[in-house]
Amino acid sequence: MSVGKLVSFDGSRGFGFIRPEDGGPDVFVHVNDIGLDEDELRQGRLFEFEVTEGDRGPKAVNLTAAGHSAPTGRSRKGGGERLGSEEMRRQITELLLEASPALTAAEIIAIRDRFTTFADEHGWLDS
């Protein structure tokens, strides 16, 4: 399985591209091959997917959303495993991109730094 971020999707044409986290070339994705409802395809969202060879190159199939539910052993309401600051920053970045893909890098950095500082001040992060 590969992991990557949806960098574009044209709902009227039914296709887009995912940028793999491993730095490889963007992978084509078509609505007929994804295994998800089209409304789940939001720019900036992280997905796990398989790569197959399509007619015109690599193609993503069997997409599943990645990083958007609490992993096993963690609770959204506390009491579970605490996050390290780097994991906190990564998850905040993904949530911000999902919520508002138009945010600039500077805005994302400022917001996530403030949230991370706040969480650290309250003892919510693993040292």
Protein backbone atom coordinates (compact mmCIF):
# COMPACT_ATOMS: atom_id res chain seq x y z
CA MET A 1 0.00 0.00 0.00
CA SER A 2 1.11 3.53 -0.75
CA VAL A 3 0.18 6.72 1.10
CA GLY A 4 -0.32 10.08 -0.56
CA LYS A 5 -2.21 13.34 -0.62
CA LEU A 6 -4.93 14.16 -3.14
CA VAL A 7 -3.51 17.21 -4.94
CA SER A 8 -6.33 17.64 -7.44
CA PHE A 9 -9.69 16.17 -8.36
CA ASP A 10 -12.13 17.34 -11.04
CA GLY A 11 -15.55 16.06 -9.99
CA SER A 12 -17.17 16.89 -13.32
CA ARG A 13 -14.58 14.81 -15.21
CA GLY A 14 -14.17 12.16 -12.51
CA PHE A 15 -10.40 12.11 -12.16
CA GLY A 16 -7.48 13.65 -10.34
CA PHE A 17 -4.00 13.01 -8.99
CA ILE A 18 -2.43 11.82 -5.74
CA ARG A 19 1.09 12.84 -4.71
CA PRO A 20 2.76 9.88 -2.94
CA GLU A 21 4.52 10.61 0.35
CA ASP A 22 7.56 8.65 -0.85
CA GLY A 23 8.29 11.38 -3.39
CA GLY A 24 7.48 9.42 -6.54
CA PRO A 25 5.53 10.90 -9.45
CA ASP A 26 1.87 11.90 -9.01
CA VAL A 27 -0.52 8.99 -9.54
CA PHE A 28 -3.69 9.20 -11.65
CA VAL A 29 -6.95 8.43 -9.83
CA HIS A 30 -10.35 7.85 -11.49
CA VAL A 31 -13.69 7.82 -9.69
CA ASN A 32 -14.51 4.34 -11.06
CA ASP A 33 -11.41 2.81 -9.41
CA ILE A 34 -11.43 4.27 -5.94
CA GLY A 35 -13.91 2.30 -3.84
CA LEU A 36 -15.11 5.50 -2.12
CA ASP A 37 -17.95 7.95 -2.57
CA GLU A 38 -16.87 10.90 -4.70
CA ASP A 39 -17.73 13.32 -1.87
CA GLU A 40 -14.82 11.84 0.16
CA LEU A 41 -12.31 13.10 -2.42
CA ARG A 42 -11.19 16.42 -0.99
CA GLN A 43 -8.00 18.13 -2.06
CA GLY A 44 -5.32 17.84 0.62
CA ARG A 45 -6.78 14.67 2.16
CA LEU A 46 -4.40 11.79 2.87
CA PHE A 47 -5.19 8.36 1.38
CA GLU A 48 -3.79 4.86 1.40
CA PHE A 49 -4.02 3.22 -2.01
CA GLU A 50 -2.68 0.51 -4.28
CA VAL A 51 -0.87 1.42 -7.48
CA THR A 52 -1.55 -0.46 -10.72
CA GLU A 53 -0.35 0.20 -14.24
CA GLY A 54 -3.08 1.96 -16.24
CA ASP A 55 -3.25 2.68 -19.98
CA ARG A 56 -1.24 5.89 -19.50
CA GLY A 57 0.92 5.08 -16.48
CA PRO A 58 0.52 4.51 -12.72
CA LYS A 59 -3.05 4.54 -11.42
CA ALA A 60 -4.37 4.56 -7.83
CA VAL A 61 -7.04 2.01 -6.90
CA ASN A 62 -8.73 0.86 -3.67
CA LEU A 63 -8.40 4.17 -1.83
CA THR A 64 -9.02 4.44 1.90
CA ALA A 65 -8.80 7.60 3.97
CA ALA A 66 -5.62 7.70 6.08
CA GLY A 67 -5.01 9.55 9.32
CA HIS A 68 -8.58 10.74 9.91
CA SER A 69 -9.75 8.43 12.66
CA ALA A 70 -8.26 7.84 16.05
CA PRO A 71 -5.79 4.94 15.79
CA THR A 72 -6.32 1.92 18.01
CA GLY A 73 -5.35 2.71 21.59
CA ARG A 74 -6.12 6.41 21.32
CA SER A 75 -9.29 8.12 22.36
CA ARG A 76 -10.57 11.35 20.87
CA LYS A 77 -11.76 12.39 24.35
CA GLY A 78 -8.50 11.69 26.14
CA GLY A 79 -7.32 8.94 28.38
CA GLY A 80 -5.51 7.12 25.57
CA GLU A 81 -1.97 7.22 24.28
CA ARG A 82 -0.47 10.72 24.06
CA LEU A 83 1.11 12.08 20.89
CA GLY A 84 4.62 13.41 20.43
CA SER A 85 4.95 16.99 19.19
CA GLU A 86 5.99 15.94 15.66
CA GLU A 87 3.00 13.60 15.30
CA MET A 88 0.75 16.34 16.69
CA ARG A 89 2.09 18.79 14.08
CA ARG A 90 1.59 16.24 11.27
CA GLN A 91 -1.99 15.50 12.28
CA ILE A 92 -2.85 19.19 12.70
CA THR A 93 -1.44 19.90 9.24
CA GLU A 94 -3.56 17.14 7.69
CA LEU A 95 -6.70 18.34 9.49
CA LEU A 96 -6.13 21.94 8.39
CA LEU A 97 -5.57 20.91 4.77
CA GLU A 98 -8.71 18.79 4.85
CA ALA A 99 -10.78 21.58 6.42
CA SER A 100 -9.46 24.41 4.26
CA PRO A 101 -7.14 23.56 1.33
CA ALA A 102 -6.78 27.28 0.54
CA LEU A 103 -4.74 27.98 3.71
CA THR A 104 -1.23 29.19 2.98
CA ALA A 105 1.84 27.42 4.35
CA ALA A 106 2.50 30.38 6.68
CA GLU A 107 -1.07 30.19 8.05
CA ILE A 108 -0.81 26.43 8.61
CA ILE A 109 2.54 26.79 10.39
CA ALA A 110 1.23 29.56 12.66
CA ILE A 111 -1.93 27.64 13.58
CA ARG A 112 -0.25 24.29 14.17
CA ASP A 113 2.55 25.88 16.22
CA ARG A 114 -0.01 27.58 18.46
CA PHE A 115 -1.99 24.35 18.92
CA THR A 116 1.17 22.36 19.65
CA THR A 117 2.36 24.94 22.21
CA PHE A 118 -1.08 24.95 23.84
CA ALA A 119 -1.14 21.14 24.05
CA ASP A 120 2.39 21.07 25.47
CA GLU A 121 1.55 23.73 28.08
CA HIS A 122 -1.37 21.58 29.23
CA GLY A 123 0.69 18.38 29.41
CA TRP A 124 -1.22 16.70 26.59
CA LEU A 125 1.88 15.72 24.60
CA ASP A 126 4.29 12.90 25.23
CA SER A 127 7.74 14.34 25.97
